[in-house]
C-alpha atoms as a PDB file:
ATOM      1  CA  ILE A   1       0.000   0.000   0.000  1.00  0.00           C
ATOM      2  CA  TYR A   2       1.231   3.462  -0.843  1.00  0.00           C
ATOM      3  CA  SER A   3       0.843   6.725   1.013  1.00  0.00           C
ATOM      4  CA  PRO A   4      -1.294   9.476  -0.503  1.00  0.00           C
ATOM      5  CA  SER A   5       1.787  11.659  -0.981  1.00  0.00           C
ATOM      6  CA  GLN A   6       3.498   8.917  -3.008  1.00  0.00           C
ATOM      7  CA  ILE A   7       0.388   8.475  -5.163  1.00  0.00           C
ATOM      8  CA  ALA A   8       0.197  12.247  -5.672  1.00  0.00           C
ATOM      9  CA  LEU A   9       3.867  12.428  -6.631  1.00  0.00           C
ATOM     10  CA  ALA A  10       3.385   9.599  -9.134  1.00  0.00           C
ATOM     11  CA  ALA A  11       0.354  11.386 -10.596  1.00  0.00           C
ATOM     12  CA  ILE A  12       2.275  14.650 -10.986  1.00  0.00           C
ATOM     13  CA  ILE A  13       5.235  12.925 -12.612  1.00  0.00           C
ATOM     14  CA  HIS A  14       2.899  11.003 -14.920  1.00  0.00           C
ATOM     15  CA  ALA A  15       1.014  14.149 -15.947  1.00  0.00           C
ATOM     16  CA  ALA A  16       4.288  15.967 -16.601  1.00  0.00           C
ATOM     17  CA  SER A  17       5.591  13.116 -18.741  1.00  0.00           C
ATOM     18  CA  ARG A  18       2.406  13.157 -20.819  1.00  0.00           C
ATOM     19  CA  GLN A  19       3.101  16.841 -21.476  1.00  0.00           C
ATOM     20  CA  LYS A  20       6.660  15.960 -22.506  1.00  0.00           C
ATOM     21  CA  GLN A  21       8.147  17.525 -19.367  1.00  0.00           C
ATOM     22  CA  ASN A  22      10.808  15.900 -17.203  1.00  0.00           C
ATOM     23  CA  LEU A  23      10.540  16.471 -13.462  1.00  0.00           C
ATOM     24  CA  ASP A  24      13.082  13.833 -12.436  1.00  0.00           C
ATOM     25  CA  SER A  25      15.890  16.266 -11.609  1.00  0.00           C
ATOM     26  CA  TYR A  26      13.492  18.592  -9.780  1.00  0.00           C
ATOM     27  CA  VAL A  27      12.157  15.740  -7.656  1.00  0.00           C
ATOM     28  CA  THR A  28      15.505  14.080  -6.918  1.00  0.00           C
ATOM     29  CA  GLU A  29      17.565  17.225  -6.361  1.00  0.00           C
ATOM     30  CA  LEU A  30      15.203  19.820  -4.914  1.00  0.00           C
ATOM     31  CA  LEU A  31      12.424  17.888  -3.222  1.00  0.00           C
ATOM     32  CA  PHE A  32      14.401  14.940  -1.907  1.00  0.00           C
ATOM     33  CA  GLY A  33      17.981  16.236  -2.156  1.00  0.00           C
ATOM     34  CA  GLY A  34      18.414  16.190   1.617  1.00  0.00           C
ATOM     35  CA  GLN A  35      17.351  12.536   1.858  1.00  0.00           C
ATOM     36  CA  GLY A  36      19.864   9.751   1.843  1.00  0.00           C
ATOM     37  CA  PRO A  37      20.399   7.560  -1.233  1.00  0.00           C
ATOM     38  CA  ASP A  38      18.364   4.714   0.285  1.00  0.00           C
ATOM     39  CA  ALA A  39      15.336   6.937   0.927  1.00  0.00           C
ATOM     40  CA  LEU A  40      15.583   8.401  -2.572  1.00  0.00           C
ATOM     41  CA  ARG A  41      15.807   4.921  -4.104  1.00  0.00           C
ATOM     42  CA  ASN A  42      12.758   3.852  -2.098  1.00  0.00           C
ATOM     43  CA  ILE A  43      10.732   6.855  -3.314  1.00  0.00           C
ATOM     44  CA  VAL A  44      11.750   6.319  -6.950  1.00  0.00           C
ATOM     45  CA  THR A  45      10.849   2.628  -6.685  1.00  0.00           C
ATOM     46  CA  CYS A  46       7.438   3.399  -5.187  1.00  0.00           C
ATOM     47  CA  VAL A  47       6.657   5.979  -7.878  1.00  0.00           C
ATOM     48  CA  ARG A  48       7.656   3.531 -10.634  1.00  0.00           C
ATOM     49  CA  GLN A  49       5.537   0.756  -9.115  1.00  0.00           C
ATOM     50  CA  ILE A  50       2.519   3.047  -8.848  1.00  0.00           C
ATOM     51  CA  ARG A  51       2.893   4.184 -12.462  1.00  0.00           C
ATOM     52  CA  VAL A  52       3.237   0.580 -13.681  1.00  0.00           C
ATOM     53  CA  MET A  53       0.229  -0.505 -11.635  1.00  0.00           C
ATOM     54  CA  VAL A  54      -1.927   2.292 -13.045  1.00  0.00           C
ATOM     55  CA  LYS A  55      -0.691   1.679 -16.574  1.00  0.00           C
ATOM     56  CA  ASN A  56      -1.603  -2.019 -16.396  1.00  0.00           C
ATOM     57  CA  MET A  57      -5.140  -1.419 -15.142  1.00  0.00           C
ATOM     58  CA  LYS A  58      -7.915  -2.032 -17.624  1.00  0.00           C
ATOM     59  CA  GLU A  59     -10.553   0.642 -17.831  1.00  0.00           C
ATOM     60  CA  PRO A  60     -14.084  -0.635 -17.282  1.00  0.00           C
ATOM     61  CA  VAL A  61     -15.529   1.128 -20.340  1.00  0.00           C
ATOM     62  CA  ARG A  62     -19.131   0.079 -19.797  1.00  0.00           C
ATOM     63  CA  HIS A  63     -19.073   1.358 -16.217  1.00  0.00           C
ATOM     64  CA  ILE A  64     -17.556   4.662 -17.293  1.00  0.00           C
ATOM     65  CA  LYS A  65     -20.300   5.201 -19.890  1.00  0.00           C
ATOM     66  CA  ALA A  66     -23.010   4.484 -17.319  1.00  0.00           C
ATOM     67  CA  LEU A  67     -21.396   6.834 -14.799  1.00  0.00           C
ATOM     68  CA  CYS A  68     -21.102   9.586 -17.413  1.00  0.00           C
ATOM     69  CA  ASP A  69     -24.794   9.210 -18.232  1.00  0.00           C
ATOM     70  CA  ARG A  70     -25.741   9.398 -14.555  1.00  0.00           C
ATOM     71  CA  LEU A  71     -23.502  12.419 -14.066  1.00  0.00           C
ATOM     72  CA  GLU A  72     -25.168  14.227 -16.964  1.00  0.00           C
ATOM     73  CA  ALA A  73     -28.579  13.435 -15.492  1.00  0.00           C
ATOM     74  CA  CYS A  74     -27.454  14.908 -12.177  1.00  0.00           C
ATOM     75  CA  ARG A  75     -26.114  18.024 -13.883  1.00  0.00           C
ATOM     76  CA  ASN A  76     -29.338  18.484 -15.846  1.00  0.00           C
ATOM     77  CA  GLN A  77     -30.942  21.626 -14.497  1.00  0.00           C
ATOM     78  CA  ASP A  78     -34.373  20.259 -15.406  1.00  0.00           C
ATOM     79  CA  ASN A  79     -33.950  17.848 -12.468  1.00  0.00           C
ATOM     80  CA  ASN A  80     -32.752  20.453  -9.950  1.00  0.00           C
ATOM     81  CA  PRO A  81     -35.695  21.792  -7.886  1.00  0.00           C
ATOM     82  CA  ASP A  82     -33.766  25.012  -7.163  1.00  0.00           C
ATOM     83  CA  SER A  83     -33.145  25.900 -10.824  1.00  0.00           C
ATOM     84  CA  GLN A  84     -35.214  28.162 -13.043  1.00  0.00           C
ATOM     85  CA  ALA A  85     -35.319  25.457 -15.738  1.00  0.00           C
ATOM     86  CA  TYR A  86     -37.012  23.053 -13.313  1.00  0.00           C
ATOM     87  CA  LYS A  87     -39.528  25.684 -12.228  1.00  0.00           C
ATOM     88  CA  ARG A  88     -40.382  26.499 -15.868  1.00  0.00           C
ATOM     89  CA  LYS A  89     -40.810  22.796 -16.628  1.00  0.00           C
ATOM     90  CA  VAL A  90     -43.190  22.351 -13.675  1.00  0.00           C
ATOM     91  CA  GLU A  91     -45.136  25.451 -14.728  1.00  0.00           C
ATOM     92  CA  GLU A  92     -45.482  24.105 -18.267  1.00  0.00           C
ATOM     93  CA  LEU A  93     -46.736  20.777 -16.937  1.00  0.00           C
ATOM     94  CA  VAL A  94     -49.283  22.528 -14.734  1.00  0.00           C
ATOM     95  CA  ASP A  95     -50.396  24.705 -17.660  1.00  0.00           C
ATOM     96  CA  GLU A  96     -50.763  21.621 -19.883  1.00  0.00           C
ATOM     97  CA  ASP A  97     -52.940  19.938 -17.247  1.00  0.00           C
ATOM     98  CA  ASP A  98     -55.184  23.006 -17.027  1.00  0.00           C
ATOM     99  CA  ALA A  99     -55.511  23.590 -20.781  1.00  0.00           C
ATOM    100  CA  PRO A 100     -57.487  20.428 -21.751  1.00  0.00           C
ATOM    101  CA  ALA A 101     -60.004  21.022 -18.959  1.00  0.00           C
ATOM    102  CA  ALA A 102     -60.699  24.537 -20.243  1.00  0.00           C
ATOM    103  CA  MET A 103     -61.172  23.301 -23.799  1.00  0.00           C
ATOM    104  CA  GLU A 104     -63.687  20.548 -22.950  1.00  0.00           C
ATOM    105  CA  PRO A 105     -67.345  21.416 -23.523  1.00  0.00           C
ATOM    106  CA  ARG A 106     -69.230  22.083 -20.354  1.00  0.00           C
ATOM    107  CA  ALA A 107     -71.859  19.651 -19.151  1.00  0.00           C
ATOM    108  CA  LYS A 108     -75.469  20.584 -19.824  1.00  0.00           C
ATOM    109  CA  SER A 109     -76.810  22.871 -17.175  1.00  0.00           C
ATOM    110  CA  SER A 110     -79.820  20.624 -16.657  1.00  0.00           C
ATOM    111  CA  ARG A 111     -77.562  18.010 -15.046  1.00  0.00           C
ATOM    112  CA  LYS A 112     -77.135  18.137 -11.336  1.00  0.00           C
ATOM    113  CA  ASP A 113     -73.992  17.232  -9.440  1.00  0.00           C
ATOM    114  CA  SER A 114     -75.866  14.370  -7.841  1.00  0.00           C
ATOM    115  CA  ASP A 115     -76.599  12.968 -11.311  1.00  0.00           C
ATOM    116  CA  LEU A 116     -72.851  12.804 -11.947  1.00  0.00           C
ATOM    117  CA  GLY A 117     -72.185  10.974  -8.694  1.00  0.00           C
ATOM    118  CA  LEU A 118     -70.753  14.044  -6.953  1.00  0.00           C
ATOM    119  CA  LYS A 119     -71.656  15.135  -3.486  1.00  0.00           C
ATOM    120  CA  ALA A 120     -71.516  18.644  -2.169  1.00  0.00           C
ATOM    121  CA  LEU A 121     -68.499  19.458  -0.063  1.00  0.00           C
ATOM    122  CA  SER A 122     -70.187  21.734   2.408  1.00  0.00           C
ATOM    123  CA  PRO A 123     -72.811  20.410   4.797  1.00  0.00           C
ATOM    124  CA  ALA A 124     -75.060  23.392   4.027  1.00  0.00           C
ATOM    125  CA  ALA A 125     -75.387  22.341   0.377  1.00  0.00           C
ATOM    126  CA  ASN A 126     -77.137  19.050   1.312  1.00  0.00           C
END
């Protein structure tokens, strides 16, 4: 098992190498120059082992795709109750629910609520 600082150092060195930069002299001379040769050898060995371990890992492509899809769903402002997009969407849904009821023809006035199976809500209306 490696310490977080060793993993971080390996990540920095890896990122620098991908950008065609060499940090070896900086790390060995400036960061760890005061360390003895055994400590420096240990650090270099750990960093190499971490880089090899990461390089040999297979990426679970199907899991990454699923996680990216879930992340996009989480970022979607239409799903965030605090966002304006969500509030507009809810308003549109409410407006759509109200619109068909307004467009339907009204029942004949000769019908009573009791004929439709409705009861009055207030006790005084009975």
